[in-house]
């Protein structure tokens, strides 16, 4: 687990911000090679804070951050964060470990600002919609 990358991602989620630093074990050239001319990663899924938009409307959506080092950061305003291992199985499929179970998902669509995943949960398929988080963002007080 790359602690430095996770901390930078969490600081970004919390609105503290951080400069674009190479992850431990990466040199600056590797980071440069993984970006296009606009400074974006070639894979629009990576290194962005995705906020779920189709969840409970009375609560802010949970957040997912797919780091290019294989760490998935899951967070929300009402639960503690989770770090999991994830992998891109193909151009249109990903999977991650959650509580010892592998979650498989198809990437139905991904753009610079929107993500739609189709999670395969046993015989069920659950579609989840995400939008790129706006910065700065602070979790509102959740009524208990």
C-alpha atoms as a PDB file:
ATOM      1  CA  UNK A   1       0.000   0.000   0.000  1.00  0.00           C
ATOM      2  CA  UNK A   2       1.393   3.345  -0.999  1.00  0.00           C
ATOM      3  CA  UNK A   3       0.707   5.515   2.053  1.00  0.00           C
ATOM      4  CA  UNK A   4       1.915   8.720   0.423  1.00  0.00           C
ATOM      5  CA  UNK A   5      -0.546   8.354  -2.501  1.00  0.00           C
ATOM      6  CA  UNK A   6      -3.428   7.557  -0.149  1.00  0.00           C
ATOM      7  CA  UNK A   7      -2.684  10.589   2.028  1.00  0.00           C
ATOM      8  CA  UNK A   8      -2.496  12.877  -1.005  1.00  0.00           C
ATOM      9  CA  UNK A   9      -5.810  11.477  -2.281  1.00  0.00           C
ATOM     10  CA  UNK A  10      -7.487  11.968   1.089  1.00  0.00           C
ATOM     11  CA  UNK A  11      -6.160  15.517   1.391  1.00  0.00           C
ATOM     12  CA  UNK A  12      -7.597  16.222  -2.057  1.00  0.00           C
ATOM     13  CA  UNK A  13     -10.963  14.784  -1.025  1.00  0.00           C
ATOM     14  CA  UNK A  14     -10.975  16.902   2.121  1.00  0.00           C
ATOM     15  CA  UNK A  15     -10.223  20.037   0.105  1.00  0.00           C
ATOM     16  CA  UNK A  16      -6.745  20.606   1.525  1.00  0.00           C
ATOM     17  CA  UNK A  17      -5.121  20.065  -1.863  1.00  0.00           C
ATOM     18  CA  UNK A  18      -1.658  18.925  -2.704  1.00  0.00           C
ATOM     19  CA  UNK A  19       0.781  19.438  -5.503  1.00  0.00           C
ATOM     20  CA  UNK A  20       1.066  16.687  -8.092  1.00  0.00           C
ATOM     21  CA  UNK A  21       3.777  14.594  -6.500  1.00  0.00           C
ATOM     22  CA  UNK A  22       5.092  11.285  -7.805  1.00  0.00           C
ATOM     23  CA  UNK A  23       4.048   8.298  -5.703  1.00  0.00           C
ATOM     24  CA  UNK A  24       6.746   6.511  -3.708  1.00  0.00           C
ATOM     25  CA  UNK A  25       8.739   4.229  -5.959  1.00  0.00           C
ATOM     26  CA  UNK A  26       7.865   6.317  -9.021  1.00  0.00           C
ATOM     27  CA  UNK A  27      10.158   8.833 -10.525  1.00  0.00           C
ATOM     28  CA  UNK A  28       8.948  12.022 -12.126  1.00  0.00           C
ATOM     29  CA  UNK A  29       9.584  10.638 -15.630  1.00  0.00           C
ATOM     30  CA  UNK A  30       7.163   7.715 -15.005  1.00  0.00           C
ATOM     31  CA  UNK A  31       4.468  10.174 -13.947  1.00  0.00           C
ATOM     32  CA  UNK A  32       5.178  12.353 -16.982  1.00  0.00           C
ATOM     33  CA  UNK A  33       5.008   9.339 -19.324  1.00  0.00           C
ATOM     34  CA  UNK A  34       1.550   8.394 -17.965  1.00  0.00           C
ATOM     35  CA  UNK A  35       0.090  11.790 -18.907  1.00  0.00           C
ATOM     36  CA  UNK A  36      -0.913  13.317 -22.204  1.00  0.00           C
ATOM     37  CA  UNK A  37      -0.084  16.809 -23.446  1.00  0.00           C
ATOM     38  CA  UNK A  38      -2.873  18.378 -21.364  1.00  0.00           C
ATOM     39  CA  UNK A  39      -1.459  16.874 -18.163  1.00  0.00           C
ATOM     40  CA  UNK A  40      -4.331  14.352 -17.895  1.00  0.00           C
ATOM     41  CA  UNK A  41      -3.709  10.660 -17.368  1.00  0.00           C
ATOM     42  CA  UNK A  42      -4.389   8.585 -20.469  1.00  0.00           C
ATOM     43  CA  UNK A  43      -7.038   6.627 -18.527  1.00  0.00           C
ATOM     44  CA  UNK A  44      -9.879   8.992 -17.488  1.00  0.00           C
ATOM     45  CA  UNK A  45     -10.801   6.677 -14.586  1.00  0.00           C
ATOM     46  CA  UNK A  46      -7.543   7.225 -12.704  1.00  0.00           C
ATOM     47  CA  UNK A  47      -6.527   9.660  -9.966  1.00  0.00           C
ATOM     48  CA  UNK A  48      -9.846  11.518  -9.799  1.00  0.00           C
ATOM     49  CA  UNK A  49     -12.370  11.837  -7.000  1.00  0.00           C
ATOM     50  CA  UNK A  50     -15.631  10.287  -8.244  1.00  0.00           C
ATOM     51  CA  UNK A  51     -18.766  11.118  -6.239  1.00  0.00           C
ATOM     52  CA  UNK A  52     -21.767   8.844  -6.573  1.00  0.00           C
ATOM     53  CA  UNK A  53     -24.776  10.772  -7.870  1.00  0.00           C
ATOM     54  CA  UNK A  54     -27.533   8.144  -7.771  1.00  0.00           C
ATOM     55  CA  UNK A  55     -27.370   7.191  -4.096  1.00  0.00           C
ATOM     56  CA  UNK A  56     -29.605   8.387  -1.240  1.00  0.00           C
ATOM     57  CA  UNK A  57     -30.532  12.019  -2.099  1.00  0.00           C
ATOM     58  CA  UNK A  58     -30.634  12.991   1.593  1.00  0.00           C
ATOM     59  CA  UNK A  59     -26.905  12.274   1.943  1.00  0.00           C
ATOM     60  CA  UNK A  60     -23.891  13.358  -0.082  1.00  0.00           C
ATOM     61  CA  UNK A  61     -22.692  10.571  -2.369  1.00  0.00           C
ATOM     62  CA  UNK A  62     -19.890   8.176  -1.479  1.00  0.00           C
ATOM     63  CA  UNK A  63     -16.536   8.826  -3.158  1.00  0.00           C
ATOM     64  CA  UNK A  64     -14.232   6.480  -5.084  1.00  0.00           C
ATOM     65  CA  UNK A  65     -10.657   7.237  -6.113  1.00  0.00           C
ATOM     66  CA  UNK A  66      -8.956   4.720  -8.412  1.00  0.00           C
ATOM     67  CA  UNK A  67      -5.240   5.385  -7.942  1.00  0.00           C
ATOM     68  CA  UNK A  68      -2.913   4.223 -10.687  1.00  0.00           C
ATOM     69  CA  UNK A  69      -0.846   2.242  -8.151  1.00  0.00           C
ATOM     70  CA  UNK A  70      -3.774  -0.195  -7.677  1.00  0.00           C
ATOM     71  CA  UNK A  71      -5.216   1.374  -4.518  1.00  0.00           C
ATOM     72  CA  UNK A  72      -8.933   2.155  -4.372  1.00  0.00           C
ATOM     73  CA  UNK A  73      -9.858   4.828  -1.830  1.00  0.00           C
ATOM     74  CA  UNK A  74     -13.553   4.685  -0.834  1.00  0.00           C
ATOM     75  CA  UNK A  75     -14.897   7.404   1.437  1.00  0.00           C
ATOM     76  CA  UNK A  76     -18.080   9.188   2.389  1.00  0.00           C
ATOM     77  CA  UNK A  77     -19.163  11.947   4.721  1.00  0.00           C
ATOM     78  CA  UNK A  78     -20.676   9.514   7.225  1.00  0.00           C
ATOM     79  CA  UNK A  79     -18.302   6.507   7.213  1.00  0.00           C
ATOM     80  CA  UNK A  80     -14.576   6.145   7.598  1.00  0.00           C
ATOM     81  CA  UNK A  81     -12.481   5.635   4.486  1.00  0.00           C
ATOM     82  CA  UNK A  82     -11.521   2.218   3.093  1.00  0.00           C
ATOM     83  CA  UNK A  83      -8.382   1.295   1.154  1.00  0.00           C
ATOM     84  CA  UNK A  84      -8.705  -1.692  -1.181  1.00  0.00           C
ATOM     85  CA  UNK A  85      -6.718  -3.237  -3.995  1.00  0.00           C
ATOM     86  CA  UNK A  86      -8.234  -2.789  -7.453  1.00  0.00           C
ATOM     87  CA  UNK A  87      -7.248  -3.730 -10.971  1.00  0.00           C
ATOM     88  CA  UNK A  88      -8.275  -2.937 -14.526  1.00  0.00           C
ATOM     89  CA  UNK A  89      -9.168  -6.333 -15.975  1.00  0.00           C
ATOM     90  CA  UNK A  90      -9.710  -4.965 -19.508  1.00  0.00           C
ATOM     91  CA  UNK A  91     -10.496  -1.663 -21.207  1.00  0.00           C
ATOM     92  CA  UNK A  92     -14.120  -2.054 -20.086  1.00  0.00           C
ATOM     93  CA  UNK A  93     -13.881  -3.994 -16.820  1.00  0.00           C
ATOM     94  CA  UNK A  94     -12.429  -3.488 -13.339  1.00  0.00           C
ATOM     95  CA  UNK A  95     -12.475  -5.440 -10.090  1.00  0.00           C
ATOM     96  CA  UNK A  96     -11.615  -4.767  -6.467  1.00  0.00           C
ATOM     97  CA  UNK A  97     -11.492  -6.557  -3.149  1.00  0.00           C
ATOM     98  CA  UNK A  98     -14.092  -5.615  -0.563  1.00  0.00           C
ATOM     99  CA  UNK A  99     -14.150  -7.483   2.755  1.00  0.00           C
ATOM    100  CA  UNK A 100     -12.496 -10.520   1.184  1.00  0.00           C
ATOM    101  CA  UNK A 101     -14.871 -10.638  -1.791  1.00  0.00           C
ATOM    102  CA  UNK A 102     -14.024  -9.678  -5.348  1.00  0.00           C
ATOM    103  CA  UNK A 103     -16.386  -7.108  -6.837  1.00  0.00           C
ATOM    104  CA  UNK A 104     -16.449  -7.169 -10.652  1.00  0.00           C
ATOM    105  CA  UNK A 105     -17.738  -4.180 -12.587  1.00  0.00           C
ATOM    106  CA  UNK A 106     -18.093  -3.214 -16.206  1.00  0.00           C
ATOM    107  CA  UNK A 107     -17.238   0.353 -17.137  1.00  0.00           C
ATOM    108  CA  UNK A 108     -20.441   1.261 -18.967  1.00  0.00           C
ATOM    109  CA  UNK A 109     -19.077   4.719 -19.770  1.00  0.00           C
ATOM    110  CA  UNK A 110     -16.318   7.021 -18.622  1.00  0.00           C
ATOM    111  CA  UNK A 111     -15.560  10.581 -19.665  1.00  0.00           C
ATOM    112  CA  UNK A 112     -13.464  13.319 -18.112  1.00  0.00           C
ATOM    113  CA  UNK A 113     -16.398  14.221 -15.815  1.00  0.00           C
ATOM    114  CA  UNK A 114     -18.762  11.212 -15.613  1.00  0.00           C
ATOM    115  CA  UNK A 115     -18.433   7.521 -14.767  1.00  0.00           C
ATOM    116  CA  UNK A 116     -21.029   4.743 -14.957  1.00  0.00           C
ATOM    117  CA  UNK A 117     -20.209   1.324 -13.484  1.00  0.00           C
ATOM    118  CA  UNK A 118     -22.299  -1.847 -13.725  1.00  0.00           C
ATOM    119  CA  UNK A 119     -21.458  -3.916 -10.645  1.00  0.00           C
ATOM    120  CA  UNK A 120     -21.960  -7.660 -10.908  1.00  0.00           C
ATOM    121  CA  UNK A 121     -23.302  -8.683  -7.502  1.00  0.00           C
ATOM    122  CA  UNK A 122     -24.097 -12.381  -7.728  1.00  0.00           C
ATOM    123  CA  UNK A 123     -26.953 -12.727 -10.216  1.00  0.00           C
ATOM    124  CA  UNK A 124     -27.810  -9.017  -9.871  1.00  0.00           C
ATOM    125  CA  UNK A 125     -26.323  -6.084 -11.767  1.00  0.00           C
ATOM    126  CA  UNK A 126     -26.315  -2.698 -10.042  1.00  0.00           C
ATOM    127  CA  UNK A 127     -25.636   0.409 -12.098  1.00  0.00           C
ATOM    128  CA  UNK A 128     -23.856   3.228 -10.269  1.00  0.00           C
ATOM    129  CA  UNK A 129     -23.434   6.768 -11.603  1.00  0.00           C
ATOM    130  CA  UNK A 130     -20.581   9.062 -10.556  1.00  0.00           C
ATOM    131  CA  UNK A 131     -19.542  12.628 -11.327  1.00  0.00           C
ATOM    132  CA  UNK A 132     -16.184  14.300 -10.923  1.00  0.00           C
ATOM    133  CA  UNK A 133     -16.048  15.949  -7.486  1.00  0.00           C
ATOM    134  CA  UNK A 134     -16.017  19.715  -7.364  1.00  0.00           C
ATOM    135  CA  UNK A 135     -13.175  21.336  -5.475  1.00  0.00           C
ATOM    136  CA  UNK A 136     -13.233  22.705  -2.849  1.00  0.00           C
ATOM    137  CA  UNK A 137     -15.752  20.459  -1.112  1.00  0.00           C
ATOM    138  CA  UNK A 138     -16.584  20.080   2.569  1.00  0.00           C
ATOM    139  CA  UNK A 139     -18.982  17.446   3.857  1.00  0.00           C
ATOM    140  CA  UNK A 140     -22.173  19.038   5.193  1.00  0.00           C
ATOM    141  CA  UNK A 141     -23.377  18.237   8.674  1.00  0.00           C
ATOM    142  CA  UNK A 142     -25.396  15.038   8.366  1.00  0.00           C
ATOM    143  CA  UNK A 143     -28.584  15.000  10.414  1.00  0.00           C
ATOM    144  CA  UNK A 144     -28.574  11.969  12.703  1.00  0.00           C
END
